[in-house]
């Protein structure tokens, strides 16, 4: 398993295949809701030599060769969350117990800086690091962290 690396795409070829402009292709693939489908698959197959979770409803996205379960998260200009997805969005609330439960189910996270598309760097982050960040108040109350802070923290690991 690779600890970190870069996933690359050919922007011109994608633009041509999709029959949209380079700018629209860039915009499309820097949206976390859209790129996550592709990132999960590339990380599962290329990085982990593993597989996808059985269901979109599972509390993790990918499974490594040893059966370890990992969450794939995108770092966007708005930052990144570490709590379960069901806690993110309008009318939803962060629940610390649910966050801790999630951490018992997974090995950790693969973070991908989607703002760098078409060359997206990724990092493997053990759940103990995220728990340490939470306990030391390096994450926001809902486990959200800004792009600048998370990239700074990653560099210090």
C-alpha atoms as a PDB file:
ATOM      1  CA  UNK A   1       0.000   0.000   0.000  1.00  0.00           C
ATOM      2  CA  UNK A   2       1.309   3.405  -0.946  1.00  0.00           C
ATOM      3  CA  UNK A   3       1.387   5.924   1.909  1.00  0.00           C
ATOM      4  CA  UNK A   4       1.018   8.872  -0.440  1.00  0.00           C
ATOM      5  CA  UNK A   5       1.355   9.764  -4.081  1.00  0.00           C
ATOM      6  CA  UNK A   6      -0.342  11.545  -6.933  1.00  0.00           C
ATOM      7  CA  UNK A   7      -3.200  10.408  -9.140  1.00  0.00           C
ATOM      8  CA  UNK A   8      -3.005  11.988 -12.583  1.00  0.00           C
ATOM      9  CA  UNK A   9      -5.346  12.542 -15.505  1.00  0.00           C
ATOM     10  CA  UNK A  10      -4.850  13.929 -18.996  1.00  0.00           C
ATOM     11  CA  UNK A  11      -7.007  17.065 -18.909  1.00  0.00           C
ATOM     12  CA  UNK A  12      -6.997  17.589 -22.675  1.00  0.00           C
ATOM     13  CA  UNK A  13      -7.996  13.986 -23.376  1.00  0.00           C
ATOM     14  CA  UNK A  14     -10.788  14.166 -20.768  1.00  0.00           C
ATOM     15  CA  UNK A  15     -12.050  17.432 -22.196  1.00  0.00           C
ATOM     16  CA  UNK A  16     -12.080  15.980 -25.696  1.00  0.00           C
ATOM     17  CA  UNK A  17     -13.778  12.739 -24.594  1.00  0.00           C
ATOM     18  CA  UNK A  18     -16.436  14.640 -22.641  1.00  0.00           C
ATOM     19  CA  UNK A  19     -16.851  17.184 -25.457  1.00  0.00           C
ATOM     20  CA  UNK A  20     -16.667  20.117 -23.057  1.00  0.00           C
ATOM     21  CA  UNK A  21     -14.123  22.909 -22.627  1.00  0.00           C
ATOM     22  CA  UNK A  22     -10.937  22.547 -20.622  1.00  0.00           C
ATOM     23  CA  UNK A  23     -12.314  25.047 -18.092  1.00  0.00           C
ATOM     24  CA  UNK A  24     -15.574  23.104 -17.680  1.00  0.00           C
ATOM     25  CA  UNK A  25     -13.668  19.833 -17.327  1.00  0.00           C
ATOM     26  CA  UNK A  26     -11.435  21.397 -14.666  1.00  0.00           C
ATOM     27  CA  UNK A  27     -14.471  22.760 -12.815  1.00  0.00           C
ATOM     28  CA  UNK A  28     -16.331  19.444 -12.986  1.00  0.00           C
ATOM     29  CA  UNK A  29     -13.464  17.398 -11.576  1.00  0.00           C
ATOM     30  CA  UNK A  30     -12.698  19.792  -8.718  1.00  0.00           C
ATOM     31  CA  UNK A  31     -16.185  19.259  -7.271  1.00  0.00           C
ATOM     32  CA  UNK A  32     -15.935  16.717  -4.451  1.00  0.00           C
ATOM     33  CA  UNK A  33     -19.402  15.300  -5.141  1.00  0.00           C
ATOM     34  CA  UNK A  34     -18.349  14.408  -8.665  1.00  0.00           C
ATOM     35  CA  UNK A  35     -14.713  13.332  -8.322  1.00  0.00           C
ATOM     36  CA  UNK A  36     -15.305  11.137  -5.254  1.00  0.00           C
ATOM     37  CA  UNK A  37     -16.736   8.309  -7.388  1.00  0.00           C
ATOM     38  CA  UNK A  38     -13.547   8.195  -9.454  1.00  0.00           C
ATOM     39  CA  UNK A  39     -11.140   8.761  -6.542  1.00  0.00           C
ATOM     40  CA  UNK A  40     -12.633   5.892  -4.561  1.00  0.00           C
ATOM     41  CA  UNK A  41     -12.097   3.527  -7.454  1.00  0.00           C
ATOM     42  CA  UNK A  42      -8.568   4.630  -8.268  1.00  0.00           C
ATOM     43  CA  UNK A  43      -7.532   4.427  -4.613  1.00  0.00           C
ATOM     44  CA  UNK A  44      -9.203   1.043  -4.140  1.00  0.00           C
ATOM     45  CA  UNK A  45      -7.679  -0.553  -7.243  1.00  0.00           C
ATOM     46  CA  UNK A  46      -4.419   1.301  -7.925  1.00  0.00           C
ATOM     47  CA  UNK A  47      -3.259   2.331  -4.472  1.00  0.00           C
ATOM     48  CA  UNK A  48      -4.582  -0.450  -2.249  1.00  0.00           C
ATOM     49  CA  UNK A  49      -4.916  -3.304  -4.734  1.00  0.00           C
ATOM     50  CA  UNK A  50      -8.162  -3.716  -2.846  1.00  0.00           C
ATOM     51  CA  UNK A  51     -11.844  -3.238  -3.522  1.00  0.00           C
ATOM     52  CA  UNK A  52     -14.770  -0.917  -2.986  1.00  0.00           C
ATOM     53  CA  UNK A  53     -17.113  -1.167  -0.022  1.00  0.00           C
ATOM     54  CA  UNK A  54     -20.072  -3.445  -0.736  1.00  0.00           C
ATOM     55  CA  UNK A  55     -22.573  -0.621  -0.426  1.00  0.00           C
ATOM     56  CA  UNK A  56     -22.701   3.174  -0.623  1.00  0.00           C
ATOM     57  CA  UNK A  57     -24.323   2.937   2.817  1.00  0.00           C
ATOM     58  CA  UNK A  58     -21.246   1.403   4.443  1.00  0.00           C
ATOM     59  CA  UNK A  59     -19.294   3.645   6.808  1.00  0.00           C
ATOM     60  CA  UNK A  60     -16.178   3.373   4.625  1.00  0.00           C
ATOM     61  CA  UNK A  61     -15.369   3.602   0.936  1.00  0.00           C
ATOM     62  CA  UNK A  62     -12.580   1.137   0.210  1.00  0.00           C
ATOM     63  CA  UNK A  63     -11.111  -2.070   1.617  1.00  0.00           C
ATOM     64  CA  UNK A  64      -7.415  -2.977   1.515  1.00  0.00           C
ATOM     65  CA  UNK A  65      -6.007  -6.463   0.863  1.00  0.00           C
ATOM     66  CA  UNK A  66      -5.979  -7.271   4.586  1.00  0.00           C
ATOM     67  CA  UNK A  67      -9.651  -6.326   4.969  1.00  0.00           C
ATOM     68  CA  UNK A  68      -8.955  -2.904   6.501  1.00  0.00           C
ATOM     69  CA  UNK A  69     -11.663  -0.347   5.822  1.00  0.00           C
ATOM     70  CA  UNK A  70     -10.732   3.170   4.712  1.00  0.00           C
ATOM     71  CA  UNK A  71     -12.631   6.373   4.098  1.00  0.00           C
ATOM     72  CA  UNK A  72     -11.729   8.498   1.036  1.00  0.00           C
ATOM     73  CA  UNK A  73     -12.132  12.231   1.577  1.00  0.00           C
ATOM     74  CA  UNK A  74     -11.586  15.188  -0.712  1.00  0.00           C
ATOM     75  CA  UNK A  75      -9.804  18.316   0.392  1.00  0.00           C
ATOM     76  CA  UNK A  76     -11.547  21.176  -1.376  1.00  0.00           C
ATOM     77  CA  UNK A  77     -11.214  24.939  -1.087  1.00  0.00           C
ATOM     78  CA  UNK A  78     -13.807  24.612   1.708  1.00  0.00           C
ATOM     79  CA  UNK A  79     -11.659  22.154   3.675  1.00  0.00           C
ATOM     80  CA  UNK A  80     -12.449  18.593   4.707  1.00  0.00           C
ATOM     81  CA  UNK A  81     -14.624  16.808   7.295  1.00  0.00           C
ATOM     82  CA  UNK A  82     -13.718  13.669   9.222  1.00  0.00           C
ATOM     83  CA  UNK A  83     -17.130  12.943  10.741  1.00  0.00           C
ATOM     84  CA  UNK A  84     -19.555  10.543   9.040  1.00  0.00           C
ATOM     85  CA  UNK A  85     -21.196  11.908   5.903  1.00  0.00           C
ATOM     86  CA  UNK A  86     -24.659  11.700   7.459  1.00  0.00           C
ATOM     87  CA  UNK A  87     -23.604  14.512   9.828  1.00  0.00           C
ATOM     88  CA  UNK A  88     -22.723  16.945   7.028  1.00  0.00           C
ATOM     89  CA  UNK A  89     -25.243  19.214   5.345  1.00  0.00           C
ATOM     90  CA  UNK A  90     -28.200  21.453   5.939  1.00  0.00           C
ATOM     91  CA  UNK A  91     -30.195  20.522   9.018  1.00  0.00           C
ATOM     92  CA  UNK A  92     -27.729  17.852  10.106  1.00  0.00           C
ATOM     93  CA  UNK A  93     -25.763  17.894  13.342  1.00  0.00           C
ATOM     94  CA  UNK A  94     -22.392  16.652  14.481  1.00  0.00           C
ATOM     95  CA  UNK A  95     -22.573  13.872  17.057  1.00  0.00           C
ATOM     96  CA  UNK A  96     -19.351  13.051  18.897  1.00  0.00           C
ATOM     97  CA  UNK A  97     -20.464   9.509  19.709  1.00  0.00           C
ATOM     98  CA  UNK A  98     -21.110   8.832  16.010  1.00  0.00           C
ATOM     99  CA  UNK A  99     -17.706  10.265  15.110  1.00  0.00           C
ATOM    100  CA  UNK A 100     -15.951   8.011  17.639  1.00  0.00           C
ATOM    101  CA  UNK A 101     -17.965   5.011  16.395  1.00  0.00           C
ATOM    102  CA  UNK A 102     -16.797   5.730  12.846  1.00  0.00           C
ATOM    103  CA  UNK A 103     -13.186   5.724  14.017  1.00  0.00           C
ATOM    104  CA  UNK A 104     -13.652   2.227  15.506  1.00  0.00           C
ATOM    105  CA  UNK A 105     -14.866   0.933  12.124  1.00  0.00           C
ATOM    106  CA  UNK A 106     -12.075   2.222   9.899  1.00  0.00           C
ATOM    107  CA  UNK A 107      -8.291   2.106   9.692  1.00  0.00           C
ATOM    108  CA  UNK A 108      -8.162   5.734   8.634  1.00  0.00           C
ATOM    109  CA  UNK A 109      -8.562   8.083   5.724  1.00  0.00           C
ATOM    110  CA  UNK A 110      -7.161   8.735   2.296  1.00  0.00           C
ATOM    111  CA  UNK A 111      -7.156  12.494   1.787  1.00  0.00           C
ATOM    112  CA  UNK A 112      -6.978  13.866  -1.750  1.00  0.00           C
ATOM    113  CA  UNK A 113      -6.385  17.511  -2.636  1.00  0.00           C
ATOM    114  CA  UNK A 114      -8.892  17.817  -5.465  1.00  0.00           C
ATOM    115  CA  UNK A 115      -8.044  21.488  -5.984  1.00  0.00           C
ATOM    116  CA  UNK A 116      -4.880  20.288  -7.738  1.00  0.00           C
ATOM    117  CA  UNK A 117      -6.732  18.390 -10.494  1.00  0.00           C
ATOM    118  CA  UNK A 118      -5.538  16.974 -12.926  1.00  0.00           C
ATOM    119  CA  UNK A 119      -2.651  15.987 -10.609  1.00  0.00           C
ATOM    120  CA  UNK A 120      -4.288  15.084  -7.309  1.00  0.00           C
ATOM    121  CA  UNK A 121      -1.937  14.335  -4.413  1.00  0.00           C
ATOM    122  CA  UNK A 122      -3.202  11.886  -1.806  1.00  0.00           C
ATOM    123  CA  UNK A 123      -2.106  10.917   1.701  1.00  0.00           C
ATOM    124  CA  UNK A 124      -2.890   7.928   3.898  1.00  0.00           C
ATOM    125  CA  UNK A 125      -3.842   9.074   7.395  1.00  0.00           C
ATOM    126  CA  UNK A 126      -4.218   6.593  10.240  1.00  0.00           C
ATOM    127  CA  UNK A 127      -7.290   7.173  12.391  1.00  0.00           C
ATOM    128  CA  UNK A 128      -5.049   7.744  15.431  1.00  0.00           C
ATOM    129  CA  UNK A 129      -3.771  10.941  13.817  1.00  0.00           C
ATOM    130  CA  UNK A 130      -7.292  12.240  13.263  1.00  0.00           C
ATOM    131  CA  UNK A 131      -8.263  11.324  16.828  1.00  0.00           C
ATOM    132  CA  UNK A 132      -5.191  13.156  18.120  1.00  0.00           C
ATOM    133  CA  UNK A 133      -6.095  16.229  16.046  1.00  0.00           C
ATOM    134  CA  UNK A 134      -9.634  16.110  17.456  1.00  0.00           C
ATOM    135  CA  UNK A 135      -8.535  15.703  21.079  1.00  0.00           C
ATOM    136  CA  UNK A 136      -6.005  18.535  20.693  1.00  0.00           C
ATOM    137  CA  UNK A 137      -8.650  20.818  19.182  1.00  0.00           C
ATOM    138  CA  UNK A 138      -6.933  21.046  15.808  1.00  0.00           C
ATOM    139  CA  UNK A 139     -10.249  20.208  14.135  1.00  0.00           C
ATOM    140  CA  UNK A 140     -13.350  22.334  14.275  1.00  0.00           C
ATOM    141  CA  UNK A 141     -16.278  21.348  16.481  1.00  0.00           C
ATOM    142  CA  UNK A 142     -17.815  19.270  13.684  1.00  0.00           C
ATOM    143  CA  UNK A 143     -14.403  17.807  12.675  1.00  0.00           C
ATOM    144  CA  UNK A 144     -14.107  20.228   9.765  1.00  0.00           C
ATOM    145  CA  UNK A 145     -10.689  21.659   9.044  1.00  0.00           C
ATOM    146  CA  UNK A 146      -9.618  24.238   6.498  1.00  0.00           C
ATOM    147  CA  UNK A 147      -7.590  23.281   3.445  1.00  0.00           C
ATOM    148  CA  UNK A 148      -4.601  25.320   4.608  1.00  0.00           C
ATOM    149  CA  UNK A 149      -4.549  23.778   8.081  1.00  0.00           C
ATOM    150  CA  UNK A 150      -4.946  20.167   6.982  1.00  0.00           C
ATOM    151  CA  UNK A 151      -2.192  20.521   4.379  1.00  0.00           C
ATOM    152  CA  UNK A 152       0.068  22.073   7.038  1.00  0.00           C
ATOM    153  CA  UNK A 153      -0.697  19.247   9.491  1.00  0.00           C
ATOM    154  CA  UNK A 154      -0.073  16.587   6.840  1.00  0.00           C
ATOM    155  CA  UNK A 155       3.350  18.024   6.080  1.00  0.00           C
ATOM    156  CA  UNK A 156       4.245  17.762   9.789  1.00  0.00           C
ATOM    157  CA  UNK A 157       3.418  14.058  10.092  1.00  0.00           C
END
